[in-house]
Amino acid sequence: MTIGDGHDLRSSRFEGDEVLEACYDNEISLQRGDRGSAVRKVQQALIFLDFPVPEVGANGIFGGETELAVKSYQESRGLKVDGIIGSETIGSLDEEFFTGPPELSISPVTEPQLSEVPTPLFPESPVRSPRASPVGPVRAPEVPPLEIPRAPRVGVPAVKIPQPPEAPVAEPPILKTQAVPLEQKPVHVARPITPPLTRLPPTIDSQGRKFHTAGTWSGSSSSFEAEAGKSVRLEVSNLNVKESSITIKTNTGEAKESVLLPDILVNFEFSAMEEPFIWRFYIETDSEDSLIEWKLYSNWVPGKSR
């Protein structure tokens, strides 16, 4: 039996993937312990639909976090909650990303050419009426326009009416206690400019760890150092428009990796044996154009009481 021979998935995200097509045809299913590109596509779709896989991200491994994200999606869509990617679940994901069939191109219809030989609508009568000799248009003789005589204007002499002499109007004296109003100019009142609000990161996370510091790095490799507590969480966000793979190593010997999708937060948690601890983080990405934003949370922050 050929795996995925149904080819029923219609979205560009899943169409043509043999494993996912086989899941839709009820030939196989994806569950905890599986791995591969099909698992990665499902993880990316769940993260896009706000069902995150915060610890590992879209790493292509169907682990406990991926199973929990699948169950959350199934419960929110009214599906059977079993944490398995079967026909019903992949069909629901496919419908959410299907944008419709491609538009059909309509070729212009060429009108048929008509015969150049005129075909009379009615048969001509065998008896033709006599034709009158052509007579040119008759023009009436031109009549010169008549000029209407205009009567001369008679001017009427202006009559002056004697006016009584104007009595001088005495201005009231200005008293010493009387204030003379000065000419006032309109005062321009400037509207106060409200500075834009700066969105600050949360100071304490769900595990009680305080915000320690933040920054950005670019390129394929970078590193930084921070004095923090035994339990730290590194919150990472991809500022580019395309996904990027990332690997983070520490001086404790821990190493974690994930795939960063645009504008999706991914958390990396690390622990040490003593406190305070001088942490050193070494970051590697798969692109020279990577632009990563990070925030560090710690259960111990220098200068702050626990």
Protein backbone atom coordinates (compact mmCIF):
# COMPACT_ATOMS: atom_id res chain seq x y z
CA MET A 1 0.00 0.00 0.00
CA THR A 2 1.48 3.38 -0.99
CA ILE A 3 1.74 5.83 1.90
CA GLY A 4 -0.18 9.05 1.29
CA ASP A 5 -1.67 8.09 -2.06
CA GLY A 6 -4.90 10.03 -1.38
CA HIS A 7 -3.38 13.52 -1.76
CA ASP A 8 -6.49 15.12 -0.27
CA LEU A 9 -4.81 17.95 1.72
CA ARG A 10 -5.43 21.30 0.09
CA SER A 11 -3.45 23.96 2.00
CA SER A 12 -0.03 24.96 0.72
CA ARG A 13 1.41 24.28 4.20
CA PHE A 14 0.57 20.52 4.18
CA GLU A 15 -0.19 19.65 0.53
CA GLY A 16 2.17 17.10 -0.99
CA ASP A 17 3.68 15.88 2.32
CA GLU A 18 3.49 12.08 2.03
CA VAL A 19 3.36 11.46 5.78
CA LEU A 20 0.62 14.05 6.44
CA GLU A 21 -1.33 12.83 3.37
CA ALA A 22 -1.14 9.32 4.82
CA CYS A 23 -2.42 10.61 8.16
CA TYR A 24 -5.37 12.19 6.37
CA ASP A 25 -6.05 8.87 4.57
CA ASN A 26 -6.08 6.99 7.94
CA GLU A 27 -3.04 4.96 6.88
CA ILE A 28 -0.73 6.15 9.68
CA SER A 29 -0.76 8.68 12.53
CA LEU A 30 1.81 10.93 14.23
CA GLN A 31 2.17 10.59 17.98
CA ARG A 32 4.62 10.97 20.83
CA GLY A 33 8.07 9.63 19.90
CA ASP A 34 7.81 10.38 16.14
CA ARG A 35 10.14 12.88 14.47
CA GLY A 36 10.78 14.41 11.07
CA SER A 37 9.72 17.26 8.79
CA ALA A 38 6.02 16.36 9.06
CA VAL A 39 6.21 16.80 12.86
CA ARG A 40 7.98 20.15 12.35
CA LYS A 41 5.18 21.36 10.01
CA VAL A 42 2.53 20.46 12.59
CA GLN A 43 4.52 22.23 15.35
CA GLN A 44 4.88 25.37 13.21
CA ALA A 45 1.14 25.35 12.47
CA LEU A 46 0.24 24.97 16.17
CA ILE A 47 2.61 27.81 17.16
CA PHE A 48 1.08 30.02 14.43
CA LEU A 49 -2.41 29.30 15.87
CA ASP A 50 -1.26 30.35 19.41
CA PHE A 51 -0.76 26.81 20.76
CA PRO A 52 2.94 27.23 21.68
CA VAL A 53 5.64 24.67 22.28
CA PRO A 54 7.69 26.99 24.56
CA GLU A 55 10.50 24.74 25.71
CA VAL A 56 11.61 23.07 22.45
CA GLY A 57 9.86 25.05 19.70
CA ALA A 58 9.46 23.56 16.20
CA ASN A 59 12.33 21.07 16.50
CA GLY A 60 10.66 18.21 14.56
CA ILE A 61 10.45 15.91 17.63
CA PHE A 62 6.99 14.83 18.86
CA GLY A 63 7.57 15.12 22.63
CA GLY A 64 5.45 15.84 25.70
CA GLU A 65 5.06 19.56 24.94
CA THR A 66 3.96 18.87 21.37
CA GLU A 67 1.43 16.29 22.62
CA LEU A 68 0.03 18.85 25.11
CA ALA A 69 -0.24 21.49 22.34
CA VAL A 70 -2.09 18.97 20.09
CA LYS A 71 -4.54 18.15 22.92
CA SER A 72 -5.16 21.87 23.57
CA TYR A 73 -5.89 22.40 19.88
CA GLN A 74 -8.22 19.36 19.71
CA GLU A 75 -10.16 20.51 22.79
CA SER A 76 -10.56 24.08 21.42
CA ARG A 77 -11.89 22.78 18.08
CA GLY A 78 -14.25 20.16 19.54
CA LEU A 79 -12.21 17.20 18.26
CA LYS A 80 -11.33 13.93 19.97
CA VAL A 81 -8.69 14.81 22.59
CA ASP A 82 -6.03 12.10 22.27
CA GLY A 83 -2.83 14.06 21.44
CA ILE A 84 -2.44 12.15 18.13
CA ILE A 85 -2.27 13.63 14.62
CA GLY A 86 -4.81 11.49 12.76
CA SER A 87 -7.20 12.08 9.89
CA GLU A 88 -9.58 14.31 11.86
CA THR A 89 -6.90 16.53 13.42
CA ILE A 90 -4.76 17.05 10.26
CA GLY A 91 -7.96 17.66 8.29
CA SER A 92 -8.98 20.41 10.75
CA LEU A 93 -5.50 22.02 10.57
CA ASP A 94 -5.57 21.83 6.77
CA GLU A 95 -8.95 23.63 6.62
CA GLU A 96 -7.63 26.46 8.80
CA PHE A 97 -4.74 27.16 6.41
CA PHE A 98 -6.63 26.52 3.14
CA THR A 99 -7.20 29.84 1.34
CA GLY A 100 -9.29 28.58 -1.61
CA PRO A 101 -8.64 27.16 -5.09
CA PRO A 102 -6.47 29.14 -7.53
CA GLU A 103 -8.28 31.47 -9.86
CA LEU A 104 -8.91 30.07 -13.34
CA SER A 105 -7.55 32.09 -16.23
CA ILE A 106 -10.21 32.78 -18.89
CA SER A 107 -8.88 33.16 -22.41
CA PRO A 108 -10.54 35.86 -24.48
CA VAL A 109 -13.16 34.59 -26.95
CA THR A 110 -12.46 35.56 -30.53
CA GLU A 111 -15.53 36.73 -32.39
CA PRO A 112 -16.18 34.95 -35.68
CA GLN A 113 -15.32 36.94 -38.79
CA LEU A 114 -18.27 38.01 -40.88
CA SER A 115 -18.31 37.55 -44.61
CA GLU A 116 -17.38 40.63 -46.57
CA VAL A 117 -20.12 39.91 -49.12
CA PRO A 118 -23.21 41.89 -48.02
CA THR A 119 -26.33 39.76 -47.72
CA PRO A 120 -29.57 41.74 -48.16
CA LEU A 121 -32.14 41.26 -45.43
CA PHE A 122 -34.96 41.45 -47.91
CA PRO A 123 -34.99 40.54 -51.66
CA GLU A 124 -34.82 43.52 -53.99
CA SER A 125 -37.97 44.36 -55.93
CA PRO A 126 -37.67 43.72 -59.69
CA VAL A 127 -39.37 47.08 -60.32
CA ARG A 128 -37.19 50.00 -59.39
CA SER A 129 -38.74 53.38 -58.67
CA PRO A 130 -37.52 56.24 -60.85
CA ARG A 131 -34.81 58.28 -59.28
CA ALA A 132 -35.29 62.05 -59.11
CA SER A 133 -32.55 64.26 -60.34
CA PRO A 134 -30.36 65.54 -57.56
CA VAL A 135 -31.47 68.95 -56.39
CA GLY A 136 -29.10 71.08 -54.38
CA PRO A 137 -30.23 72.76 -51.15
CA VAL A 138 -32.12 76.03 -51.61
CA ARG A 139 -30.61 78.91 -49.69
CA ALA A 140 -32.62 81.94 -48.67
CA PRO A 141 -31.17 85.37 -49.59
CA GLU A 142 -29.17 86.90 -46.83
CA VAL A 143 -30.88 89.84 -45.12
CA PRO A 144 -28.61 92.46 -43.55
CA PRO A 145 -29.24 92.89 -39.80
CA LEU A 146 -31.30 95.88 -38.78
CA GLU A 147 -29.77 98.36 -36.42
CA ILE A 148 -32.10 99.63 -33.70
CA PRO A 149 -31.63 103.37 -33.14
CA ARG A 150 -30.67 104.21 -29.58
CA ALA A 151 -32.04 107.27 -27.80
CA PRO A 152 -29.43 109.69 -26.44
CA ARG A 153 -28.93 109.68 -22.70
CA VAL A 154 -30.22 112.74 -20.85
CA GLY A 155 -28.08 113.63 -17.87
CA VAL A 156 -29.87 114.74 -14.69
CA PRO A 157 -28.01 117.50 -12.82
CA ALA A 158 -27.06 116.51 -9.31
CA VAL A 159 -28.96 118.37 -6.62
CA LYS A 160 -27.04 119.20 -3.50
CA ILE A 161 -29.03 119.22 -0.28
CA PRO A 162 -27.63 121.64 2.26
CA GLN A 163 -26.49 119.87 5.41
CA PRO A 164 -26.30 121.50 8.83
CA PRO A 165 -22.76 121.98 10.07
CA GLU A 166 -21.56 119.09 12.18
CA ALA A 167 -21.02 119.96 15.79
CA PRO A 168 -17.63 118.88 17.10
CA VAL A 169 -17.90 115.89 19.38
CA ALA A 170 -15.83 116.32 22.45
CA GLU A 171 -13.97 113.21 23.54
CA PRO A 172 -14.46 112.31 27.18
CA PRO A 173 -11.47 113.19 29.30
CA ILE A 174 -9.35 110.34 30.45
CA LEU A 175 -9.30 110.11 34.20
CA LYS A 176 -6.17 109.18 36.03
CA THR A 177 -7.88 106.16 37.50
CA GLN A 178 -9.26 105.01 34.15
CA ALA A 179 -7.28 102.19 32.51
CA VAL A 180 -6.69 102.58 28.80
CA PRO A 181 -7.09 99.18 27.12
CA LEU A 182 -4.09 98.17 25.13
CA GLU A 183 -4.27 96.29 21.85
CA GLN A 184 -4.10 92.60 22.75
CA LYS A 185 -2.59 90.03 20.46
CA PRO A 186 -4.01 86.49 20.45
CA VAL A 187 -1.90 84.18 22.58
CA HIS A 188 -0.92 80.91 20.86
CA VAL A 189 -1.33 78.08 23.31
CA ALA A 190 0.78 75.05 22.38
CA ARG A 191 -0.93 71.71 22.88
CA PRO A 192 1.14 69.51 25.18
CA ILE A 193 2.81 66.62 23.42
CA THR A 194 2.26 63.31 25.15
CA PRO A 195 5.37 61.13 24.87
CA PRO A 196 4.77 57.65 23.45
CA LEU A 197 4.37 54.88 25.98
CA THR A 198 7.25 52.42 26.18
CA ARG A 199 6.13 48.85 26.67
CA LEU A 200 8.31 47.36 29.41
CA PRO A 201 8.81 43.61 29.87
CA PRO A 202 7.08 41.97 32.86
CA THR A 203 9.22 42.14 35.99
CA ILE A 204 8.30 38.68 37.39
CA ASP A 205 7.45 35.53 35.42
CA SER A 206 5.14 32.65 36.39
CA GLN A 207 7.96 30.89 38.31
CA GLY A 208 8.68 33.96 40.46
CA ARG A 209 11.88 34.85 38.56
CA LYS A 210 12.62 38.58 38.28
CA PHE A 211 13.50 40.46 35.11
CA HIS A 212 17.31 40.69 35.04
CA THR A 213 18.44 42.29 31.77
CA ALA A 214 17.70 42.38 28.02
CA GLY A 215 19.39 43.01 24.70
CA THR A 216 19.72 41.98 21.05
CA TRP A 217 22.31 40.16 18.98
CA SER A 218 22.83 39.72 15.24
CA GLY A 219 24.83 37.48 12.96
CA SER A 220 25.51 33.76 13.08
CA SER A 221 27.29 33.70 16.49
CA SER A 222 27.40 35.81 19.64
CA SER A 223 27.86 35.55 23.42
CA PHE A 224 27.20 37.51 26.60
CA GLU A 225 27.80 37.18 30.34
CA ALA A 226 25.53 37.89 33.34
CA GLU A 227 25.69 37.40 37.13
CA ALA A 228 22.39 35.73 38.09
CA GLY A 229 20.83 33.04 40.27
CA LYS A 230 20.71 29.25 40.09
CA SER A 231 17.47 29.24 38.01
CA VAL A 232 17.35 31.42 34.88
CA ARG A 233 15.05 31.67 31.87
CA LEU A 234 16.17 33.15 28.54
CA GLU A 235 13.22 34.50 26.51
CA VAL A 236 14.15 34.75 22.80
CA SER A 237 12.26 36.39 19.89
CA ASN A 238 13.12 36.41 16.14
CA LEU A 239 12.90 39.99 14.76
CA ASN A 240 13.38 38.87 11.11
CA VAL A 241 10.55 37.95 8.72
CA LYS A 242 11.84 34.44 8.09
CA GLU A 243 12.46 31.55 10.47
CA SER A 244 15.90 30.84 11.90
CA SER A 245 17.46 27.88 13.72
CA ILE A 246 19.24 28.70 17.01
CA THR A 247 21.51 26.81 19.43
CA ILE A 248 22.29 28.17 22.95
CA LYS A 249 25.13 26.74 25.07
CA THR A 250 26.17 27.72 28.62
CA ASN A 251 29.28 27.32 30.72
CA THR A 252 27.36 24.72 32.78
CA GLY A 253 27.57 22.30 29.84
CA GLU A 254 23.89 22.62 28.86
CA ALA A 255 22.97 23.07 25.16
CA LYS A 256 19.52 23.63 23.71
CA GLU A 257 18.29 24.32 20.19
CA SER A 258 15.05 25.31 18.47
CA VAL A 259 13.56 26.93 15.36
CA LEU A 260 12.56 30.58 15.79
CA LEU A 261 9.49 31.68 13.84
CA PRO A 262 8.93 35.43 13.25
CA ASP A 263 7.37 37.24 16.28
CA ILE A 264 7.06 33.98 18.30
CA LEU A 265 8.64 33.83 21.78
CA VAL A 266 10.69 30.75 22.73
CA ASN A 267 11.91 30.10 26.29
CA PHE A 268 15.15 28.37 27.30
CA GLU A 269 15.60 27.40 30.96
CA PHE A 270 18.98 26.66 32.59
CA SER A 271 20.09 25.85 36.14
CA ALA A 272 23.34 25.99 38.11
CA MET A 273 24.59 24.50 41.39
CA GLU A 274 25.42 27.73 43.26
CA GLU A 275 24.13 31.28 43.63
CA PRO A 276 25.10 33.84 42.56
CA PHE A 277 26.58 32.32 39.40
CA ILE A 278 28.49 33.96 36.55
CA TRP A 279 26.57 32.78 33.48
CA ARG A 280 28.11 32.73 30.01
CA PHE A 281 25.77 32.20 27.05
CA TYR A 282 27.06 31.21 23.58
CA ILE A 283 24.54 31.65 20.72
CA GLU A 284 24.78 30.21 17.20
CA THR A 285 22.27 30.71 14.34
CA ASP A 286 22.07 29.43 10.77
CA SER A 287 22.12 32.86 9.10
CA GLU A 288 24.41 35.89 9.01
CA ASP A 289 21.25 38.07 8.77
CA SER A 290 19.81 36.84 12.10
CA LEU A 291 18.45 39.53 14.44
CA ILE A 292 17.45 38.13 17.84
CA GLU A 293 15.97 39.91 20.87
CA TRP A 294 16.50 38.33 24.33
CA LYS A 295 15.32 38.92 27.92
CA LEU A 296 16.87 37.21 30.96
CA TYR A 297 14.84 36.31 34.06
CA SER A 298 16.49 35.02 37.27
CA ASN A 299 15.47 33.96 40.77
CA TRP A 300 18.32 36.19 42.03
CA VAL A 301 19.13 39.66 40.66
CA PRO A 302 22.11 41.76 41.84
CA GLY A 303 21.06 44.65 44.07
CA LYS A 304 17.49 43.34 44.64
CA SER A 305 16.20 41.52 47.68
CA ARG A 306 14.60 38.17 47.09
